[in-house]
Amino acid sequence: MPLPSDHPRLRKRPFSEGELIADGLIHAIAILAAIVGLAVLIGLVVARHGGVEITATIVYGFALLAMLGFSCAYNLVPASDLKWILRRFDHSAIYLMIAGTYTPLITLFDDGVWAWTLAIVVWTGAVVGIIVKLALPGRFDKLSIIAYVLLGLVVLAAIEPMNRSLPTASVVLVAVGGGLYISGIAFYLWKSLKFHNAIWHGFVVSAVFCHFAAITTAMVATSA
């Protein structure tokens, strides 16, 4: 299903060659860093933890690479039917990334009730969001931005068990990463700004780095 004929994305100005190169470099650096970082992280988790934490970290790694990969493909492919198909997966992967980032941290919670509750809420929200993005592309784009933010902020409801279970550094890094994601939305929406898409993705990559550091710190500081 293509985008609706009146969708504002179809009226968006085309990016210049310089903008595309900048965006491509940001994605390339992020993907390469993610591959190397995930290899190190999974090795650390295998050495310190059991099957649950290892599986959760692999889920996180898959979500991270899916988000970066689909974002790179969608943003760099010229306007075409393929681009609009990739758009669905790009936007769906954001939900996957949010839930995937929660997952390894949740496994370290001391309170099992909080861990399971948070996991169910976040993954249910992510699955619903993915279904909507795949089945109804372009129909609820403005609402989906709010949904992304709200799903990311669900962690505030579990701030107490998170503070008890995770190192302070991890909690701070999670908060900083969330702040970067939210701050970057302003540049995502600022369509007339030159390089706005590359700037937005710069915020995304910075937030990803913070959350990766939060997960790594938490996994290293604890053991099974």
C-alpha atoms as a PDB file:
ATOM      1  CA  MET A   1       0.000   0.000   0.000  1.00  0.00           C
ATOM      2  CA  PRO A   2       1.537   3.374  -1.018  1.00  0.00           C
ATOM      3  CA  LEU A   3       1.315   6.502   1.074  1.00  0.00           C
ATOM      4  CA  PRO A   4      -1.989   8.409   0.846  1.00  0.00           C
ATOM      5  CA  SER A   5      -1.921  10.786  -2.134  1.00  0.00           C
ATOM      6  CA  ASP A   6      -2.340  13.804   0.162  1.00  0.00           C
ATOM      7  CA  HIS A   7       0.340  12.744   2.635  1.00  0.00           C
ATOM      8  CA  PRO A   8       2.664  15.677   3.515  1.00  0.00           C
ATOM      9  CA  ARG A   9       5.718  13.420   3.078  1.00  0.00           C
ATOM     10  CA  LEU A  10       5.063  13.444  -0.676  1.00  0.00           C
ATOM     11  CA  ARG A  11       5.320  17.263  -0.700  1.00  0.00           C
ATOM     12  CA  LYS A  12       8.555  17.361   1.272  1.00  0.00           C
ATOM     13  CA  ARG A  13      11.507  19.063  -0.405  1.00  0.00           C
ATOM     14  CA  PRO A  14      14.120  16.646  -1.768  1.00  0.00           C
ATOM     15  CA  PHE A  15      17.358  16.479   0.188  1.00  0.00           C
ATOM     16  CA  SER A  16      20.499  17.879  -1.416  1.00  0.00           C
ATOM     17  CA  GLU A  17      23.472  15.666  -2.221  1.00  0.00           C
ATOM     18  CA  GLY A  18      25.331  17.106   0.768  1.00  0.00           C
ATOM     19  CA  GLU A  19      22.446  16.300   3.097  1.00  0.00           C
ATOM     20  CA  LEU A  20      22.269  12.725   1.832  1.00  0.00           C
ATOM     21  CA  ILE A  21      26.026  12.259   2.232  1.00  0.00           C
ATOM     22  CA  ALA A  22      25.926  13.605   5.793  1.00  0.00           C
ATOM     23  CA  ASP A  23      23.004  11.349   6.668  1.00  0.00           C
ATOM     24  CA  GLY A  24      24.693   8.357   5.059  1.00  0.00           C
ATOM     25  CA  LEU A  25      27.914   8.923   7.010  1.00  0.00           C
ATOM     26  CA  ILE A  26      26.024   9.151  10.299  1.00  0.00           C
ATOM     27  CA  HIS A  27      24.236   5.877   9.563  1.00  0.00           C
ATOM     28  CA  ALA A  28      27.403   4.114   8.379  1.00  0.00           C
ATOM     29  CA  ILE A  29      29.372   5.094  11.482  1.00  0.00           C
ATOM     30  CA  ALA A  30      26.475   4.120  13.742  1.00  0.00           C
ATOM     31  CA  ILE A  31      26.003   0.705  12.114  1.00  0.00           C
ATOM     32  CA  LEU A  32      29.711  -0.149  12.242  1.00  0.00           C
ATOM     33  CA  ALA A  33      29.987   0.993  15.855  1.00  0.00           C
ATOM     34  CA  ALA A  34      26.868  -0.998  16.763  1.00  0.00           C
ATOM     35  CA  ILE A  35      28.218  -4.205  15.234  1.00  0.00           C
ATOM     36  CA  VAL A  36      31.517  -3.923  17.103  1.00  0.00           C
ATOM     37  CA  GLY A  37      29.887  -2.766  20.323  1.00  0.00           C
ATOM     38  CA  LEU A  38      27.278  -5.517  20.316  1.00  0.00           C
ATOM     39  CA  ALA A  39      29.942  -8.189  19.800  1.00  0.00           C
ATOM     40  CA  VAL A  40      31.772  -6.893  22.877  1.00  0.00           C
ATOM     41  CA  LEU A  41      28.572  -6.498  24.912  1.00  0.00           C
ATOM     42  CA  ILE A  42      27.295 -10.004  24.159  1.00  0.00           C
ATOM     43  CA  GLY A  43      30.692 -11.416  25.086  1.00  0.00           C
ATOM     44  CA  LEU A  44      30.599  -9.586  28.427  1.00  0.00           C
ATOM     45  CA  VAL A  45      27.069 -10.782  29.137  1.00  0.00           C
ATOM     46  CA  VAL A  46      27.934 -14.385  28.286  1.00  0.00           C
ATOM     47  CA  ALA A  47      30.850 -14.224  30.736  1.00  0.00           C
ATOM     48  CA  ARG A  48      28.772 -12.793  33.604  1.00  0.00           C
ATOM     49  CA  HIS A  49      25.161 -13.876  33.197  1.00  0.00           C
ATOM     50  CA  GLY A  50      22.805 -16.691  32.289  1.00  0.00           C
ATOM     51  CA  GLY A  51      20.428 -17.500  29.479  1.00  0.00           C
ATOM     52  CA  VAL A  52      17.771 -14.885  30.268  1.00  0.00           C
ATOM     53  CA  GLU A  53      20.172 -11.955  30.188  1.00  0.00           C
ATOM     54  CA  ILE A  54      21.983 -13.316  27.135  1.00  0.00           C
ATOM     55  CA  THR A  55      18.718 -13.743  25.234  1.00  0.00           C
ATOM     56  CA  ALA A  56      17.538 -10.274  26.252  1.00  0.00           C
ATOM     57  CA  THR A  57      20.796  -8.740  25.058  1.00  0.00           C
ATOM     58  CA  ILE A  58      20.535 -10.529  21.714  1.00  0.00           C
ATOM     59  CA  VAL A  59      16.980  -9.203  21.339  1.00  0.00           C
ATOM     60  CA  TYR A  60      18.310  -5.715  22.046  1.00  0.00           C
ATOM     61  CA  GLY A  61      21.079  -6.182  19.497  1.00  0.00           C
ATOM     62  CA  PHE A  62      18.635  -7.341  16.833  1.00  0.00           C
ATOM     63  CA  ALA A  63      16.366  -4.362  17.540  1.00  0.00           C
ATOM     64  CA  LEU A  64      19.285  -1.918  17.382  1.00  0.00           C
ATOM     65  CA  LEU A  65      20.599  -3.219  14.061  1.00  0.00           C
ATOM     66  CA  ALA A  66      17.072  -3.394  12.628  1.00  0.00           C
ATOM     67  CA  MET A  67      16.394   0.237  13.510  1.00  0.00           C
ATOM     68  CA  LEU A  68      19.708   1.510  12.140  1.00  0.00           C
ATOM     69  CA  GLY A  69      19.549  -0.689   9.047  1.00  0.00           C
ATOM     70  CA  PHE A  70      16.001   0.182   8.038  1.00  0.00           C
ATOM     71  CA  SER A  71      16.609   3.852   8.806  1.00  0.00           C
ATOM     72  CA  CYS A  72      19.663   3.869   6.557  1.00  0.00           C
ATOM     73  CA  ALA A  73      17.860   2.081   3.734  1.00  0.00           C
ATOM     74  CA  TYR A  74      14.712   4.203   3.897  1.00  0.00           C
ATOM     75  CA  ASN A  75      16.465   7.552   4.142  1.00  0.00           C
ATOM     76  CA  LEU A  76      18.971   6.915   1.366  1.00  0.00           C
ATOM     77  CA  VAL A  77      16.781   5.152  -1.210  1.00  0.00           C
ATOM     78  CA  PRO A  78      15.306   7.571  -3.798  1.00  0.00           C
ATOM     79  CA  ALA A  79      11.545   8.146  -3.878  1.00  0.00           C
ATOM     80  CA  SER A  80       9.941   4.978  -5.216  1.00  0.00           C
ATOM     81  CA  ASP A  81       7.563   2.186  -4.279  1.00  0.00           C
ATOM     82  CA  LEU A  82      10.480   0.502  -2.488  1.00  0.00           C
ATOM     83  CA  LYS A  83      11.094   3.620  -0.402  1.00  0.00           C
ATOM     84  CA  TRP A  84       7.501   3.639   0.858  1.00  0.00           C
ATOM     85  CA  ILE A  85       7.744  -0.045   1.761  1.00  0.00           C
ATOM     86  CA  LEU A  86      10.975   0.631   3.653  1.00  0.00           C
ATOM     87  CA  ARG A  87       9.220   3.519   5.403  1.00  0.00           C
ATOM     88  CA  ARG A  88       6.845   1.085   7.071  1.00  0.00           C
ATOM     89  CA  PHE A  89       9.714  -1.009   8.401  1.00  0.00           C
ATOM     90  CA  ASP A  90      11.749   2.035   9.404  1.00  0.00           C
ATOM     91  CA  HIS A  91       8.929   3.408  11.532  1.00  0.00           C
ATOM     92  CA  SER A  92       8.050  -0.042  12.884  1.00  0.00           C
ATOM     93  CA  ALA A  93      11.655  -0.604  13.922  1.00  0.00           C
ATOM     94  CA  ILE A  94      11.450   2.412  16.235  1.00  0.00           C
ATOM     95  CA  TYR A  95       8.871   0.547  18.326  1.00  0.00           C
ATOM     96  CA  LEU A  96      11.086  -2.523  18.233  1.00  0.00           C
ATOM     97  CA  MET A  97      14.060  -0.447  19.389  1.00  0.00           C
ATOM     98  CA  ILE A  98      12.177   1.059  22.325  1.00  0.00           C
ATOM     99  CA  ALA A  99      11.003  -2.339  23.583  1.00  0.00           C
ATOM    100  CA  GLY A 100      14.354  -3.919  22.811  1.00  0.00           C
ATOM    101  CA  THR A 101      16.218  -1.321  24.867  1.00  0.00           C
ATOM    102  CA  TYR A 102      14.014  -1.975  27.887  1.00  0.00           C
ATOM    103  CA  THR A 103      14.453  -5.731  27.679  1.00  0.00           C
ATOM    104  CA  PRO A 104      18.024  -6.336  28.980  1.00  0.00           C
ATOM    105  CA  LEU A 105      17.573  -3.737  31.720  1.00  0.00           C
ATOM    106  CA  ILE A 106      14.326  -5.329  32.887  1.00  0.00           C
ATOM    107  CA  THR A 107      16.067  -8.679  33.385  1.00  0.00           C
ATOM    108  CA  LEU A 108      18.227  -7.036  36.075  1.00  0.00           C
ATOM    109  CA  PHE A 109      15.293  -5.782  38.163  1.00  0.00           C
ATOM    110  CA  ASP A 110      15.170  -7.175  41.695  1.00  0.00           C
ATOM    111  CA  ASP A 111      11.367  -7.006  41.685  1.00  0.00           C
ATOM    112  CA  GLY A 112       9.965  -9.667  39.372  1.00  0.00           C
ATOM    113  CA  VAL A 113       6.447  -8.195  39.398  1.00  0.00           C
ATOM    114  CA  TRP A 114       7.729  -4.848  38.151  1.00  0.00           C
ATOM    115  CA  ALA A 115       9.923  -6.545  35.578  1.00  0.00           C
ATOM    116  CA  TRP A 116       7.107  -8.607  34.095  1.00  0.00           C
ATOM    117  CA  THR A 117       4.611  -5.723  34.228  1.00  0.00           C
ATOM    118  CA  LEU A 118       6.984  -3.376  32.439  1.00  0.00           C
ATOM    119  CA  ALA A 119       7.877  -6.033  29.864  1.00  0.00           C
ATOM    120  CA  ILE A 120       4.220  -6.783  29.073  1.00  0.00           C
ATOM    121  CA  VAL A 121       3.250  -3.107  28.792  1.00  0.00           C
ATOM    122  CA  VAL A 122       6.206  -2.136  26.621  1.00  0.00           C
ATOM    123  CA  TRP A 123       6.089  -5.111  24.275  1.00  0.00           C
ATOM    124  CA  THR A 124       2.293  -4.920  23.918  1.00  0.00           C
ATOM    125  CA  GLY A 125       2.591  -1.266  22.991  1.00  0.00           C
ATOM    126  CA  ALA A 126       5.402  -2.035  20.548  1.00  0.00           C
ATOM    127  CA  VAL A 127       3.508  -4.872  18.847  1.00  0.00           C
ATOM    128  CA  VAL A 128       0.364  -2.745  18.465  1.00  0.00           C
ATOM    129  CA  GLY A 129       2.433   0.119  17.076  1.00  0.00           C
ATOM    130  CA  ILE A 130       4.196  -2.152  14.594  1.00  0.00           C
ATOM    131  CA  ILE A 131       0.904  -3.623  13.378  1.00  0.00           C
ATOM    132  CA  VAL A 132      -0.516  -0.139  12.803  1.00  0.00           C
ATOM    133  CA  LYS A 133       2.604   1.005  10.956  1.00  0.00           C
ATOM    134  CA  LEU A 134       2.672  -2.050   8.694  1.00  0.00           C
ATOM    135  CA  ALA A 135      -1.062  -2.237   8.027  1.00  0.00           C
ATOM    136  CA  LEU A 136      -1.883   1.485   7.821  1.00  0.00           C
ATOM    137  CA  PRO A 137       1.220   3.249   6.503  1.00  0.00           C
ATOM    138  CA  GLY A 138       1.137   7.024   6.716  1.00  0.00           C
ATOM    139  CA  ARG A 139      -2.247   7.158   8.433  1.00  0.00           C
ATOM    140  CA  PHE A 140      -1.261   8.155  11.976  1.00  0.00           C
ATOM    141  CA  ASP A 141       2.186   9.701  11.628  1.00  0.00           C
ATOM    142  CA  LYS A 142       1.665  12.623  14.018  1.00  0.00           C
ATOM    143  CA  LEU A 143       0.009  10.388  16.581  1.00  0.00           C
ATOM    144  CA  SER A 144       2.820   7.870  16.295  1.00  0.00           C
ATOM    145  CA  ILE A 145       5.380  10.473  17.408  1.00  0.00           C
ATOM    146  CA  ILE A 146       3.394  10.883  20.619  1.00  0.00           C
ATOM    147  CA  ALA A 147       3.144   7.090  20.933  1.00  0.00           C
ATOM    148  CA  TYR A 148       6.925   6.707  20.628  1.00  0.00           C
ATOM    149  CA  VAL A 149       7.512   9.272  23.371  1.00  0.00           C
ATOM    150  CA  LEU A 150       4.880   7.822  25.700  1.00  0.00           C
ATOM    151  CA  LEU A 151       6.200   4.284  25.256  1.00  0.00           C
ATOM    152  CA  GLY A 152       9.681   5.511  26.067  1.00  0.00           C
ATOM    153  CA  LEU A 153       8.447   7.337  29.153  1.00  0.00           C
ATOM    154  CA  VAL A 154       6.719   4.262  30.585  1.00  0.00           C
ATOM    155  CA  VAL A 155       9.961   3.670  32.477  1.00  0.00           C
ATOM    156  CA  LEU A 156       9.101   6.621  34.734  1.00  0.00           C
ATOM    157  CA  ALA A 157       6.434   4.458  36.355  1.00  0.00           C
ATOM    158  CA  ALA A 158       9.172   2.012  37.370  1.00  0.00           C
ATOM    159  CA  ILE A 159      11.767   4.569  38.431  1.00  0.00           C
ATOM    160  CA  GLU A 160      11.915   3.263  42.007  1.00  0.00           C
ATOM    161  CA  PRO A 161      12.653  -0.408  41.167  1.00  0.00           C
ATOM    162  CA  MET A 162      15.028   0.764  38.470  1.00  0.00           C
ATOM    163  CA  ASN A 163      16.963   2.887  40.968  1.00  0.00           C
ATOM    164  CA  ARG A 164      17.142  -0.058  43.347  1.00  0.00           C
ATOM    165  CA  SER A 165      18.278  -2.559  40.726  1.00  0.00           C
ATOM    166  CA  LEU A 166      20.578  -0.688  38.368  1.00  0.00           C
ATOM    167  CA  PRO A 167      23.804   1.265  38.901  1.00  0.00           C
ATOM    168  CA  THR A 168      23.306   5.021  39.219  1.00  0.00           C
ATOM    169  CA  ALA A 169      25.363   5.549  36.080  1.00  0.00           C
ATOM    170  CA  SER A 170      22.955   3.377  34.085  1.00  0.00           C
ATOM    171  CA  VAL A 171      19.917   5.268  35.356  1.00  0.00           C
ATOM    172  CA  VAL A 172      21.527   8.596  34.460  1.00  0.00           C
ATOM    173  CA  LEU A 173      22.490   7.336  30.994  1.00  0.00           C
ATOM    174  CA  VAL A 174      18.947   6.098  30.365  1.00  0.00           C
ATOM    175  CA  ALA A 175      17.605   9.539  31.301  1.00  0.00           C
ATOM    176  CA  VAL A 176      20.142  11.382  29.139  1.00  0.00           C
ATOM    177  CA  GLY A 177      19.404   9.117  26.188  1.00  0.00           C
ATOM    178  CA  GLY A 178      15.681   9.697  26.551  1.00  0.00           C
ATOM    179  CA  GLY A 179      16.270  13.439  26.719  1.00  0.00           C
ATOM    180  CA  LEU A 180      18.301  13.313  23.506  1.00  0.00           C
ATOM    181  CA  TYR A 181      15.576  11.403  21.683  1.00  0.00           C
ATOM    182  CA  ILE A 182      12.921  13.901  22.748  1.00  0.00           C
ATOM    183  CA  SER A 183      15.116  16.935  21.998  1.00  0.00           C
ATOM    184  CA  GLY A 184      15.898  15.608  18.546  1.00  0.00           C
ATOM    185  CA  ILE A 185      12.213  15.509  17.594  1.00  0.00           C
ATOM    186  CA  ALA A 186      12.296  19.298  17.205  1.00  0.00           C
ATOM    187  CA  PHE A 187      14.849  18.934  14.392  1.00  0.00           C
ATOM    188  CA  TYR A 188      12.911  16.044  12.833  1.00  0.00           C
ATOM    189  CA  LEU A 189       9.888  18.325  12.572  1.00  0.00           C
ATOM    190  CA  TRP A 190      11.883  21.352  11.391  1.00  0.00           C
ATOM    191  CA  LYS A 191      11.578  20.395   7.726  1.00  0.00           C
ATOM    192  CA  SER A 192      12.822  23.697   6.321  1.00  0.00           C
ATOM    193  CA  LEU A 193      16.132  23.532   8.192  1.00  0.00           C
ATOM    194  CA  LYS A 194      19.068  22.505   6.043  1.00  0.00           C
ATOM    195  CA  PHE A 195      20.470  19.134   7.190  1.00  0.00           C
ATOM    196  CA  HIS A 196      17.544  18.718   9.601  1.00  0.00           C
ATOM    197  CA  ASN A 197      17.333  14.984   8.886  1.00  0.00           C
ATOM    198  CA  ALA A 198      21.046  14.426   9.503  1.00  0.00           C
ATOM    199  CA  ILE A 199      20.846  16.465  12.721  1.00  0.00           C
ATOM    200  CA  TRP A 200      17.856  14.413  13.858  1.00  0.00           C
ATOM    201  CA  HIS A 201      19.715  11.186  13.193  1.00  0.00           C
ATOM    202  CA  GLY A 202      22.719  12.602  15.046  1.00  0.00           C
ATOM    203  CA  PHE A 203      20.504  12.969  18.112  1.00  0.00           C
ATOM    204  CA  VAL A 204      19.195   9.429  17.605  1.00  0.00           C
ATOM    205  CA  VAL A 205      22.701   7.962  17.395  1.00  0.00           C
ATOM    206  CA  SER A 206      23.788   9.904  20.482  1.00  0.00           C
ATOM    207  CA  ALA A 207      20.776   8.581  22.381  1.00  0.00           C
ATOM    208  CA  VAL A 208      21.515   5.052  21.184  1.00  0.00           C
ATOM    209  CA  PHE A 209      25.083   5.394  22.465  1.00  0.00           C
ATOM    210  CA  CYS A 210      23.818   6.510  25.898  1.00  0.00           C
ATOM    211  CA  HIS A 211      21.425   3.576  26.163  1.00  0.00           C
ATOM    212  CA  PHE A 212      24.060   1.143  24.929  1.00  0.00           C
ATOM    213  CA  ALA A 213      26.405   2.470  27.629  1.00  0.00           C
ATOM    214  CA  ALA A 214      23.622   2.158  30.213  1.00  0.00           C
ATOM    215  CA  ILE A 215      23.020  -1.494  29.335  1.00  0.00           C
ATOM    216  CA  THR A 216      26.735  -2.307  29.228  1.00  0.00           C
ATOM    217  CA  THR A 217      27.356  -0.624  32.590  1.00  0.00           C
ATOM    218  CA  ALA A 218      24.461  -2.469  34.196  1.00  0.00           C
ATOM    219  CA  MET A 219      25.496  -5.851  32.798  1.00  0.00           C
ATOM    220  CA  VAL A 220      29.115  -5.420  33.868  1.00  0.00           C
ATOM    221  CA  ALA A 221      28.176  -4.206  37.359  1.00  0.00           C
ATOM    222  CA  THR A 222      25.941  -7.213  38.050  1.00  0.00           C
ATOM    223  CA  SER A 223      26.321 -10.956  37.675  1.00  0.00           C
ATOM    224  CA  ALA A 224      24.073 -13.992  37.730  1.00  0.00           C
END
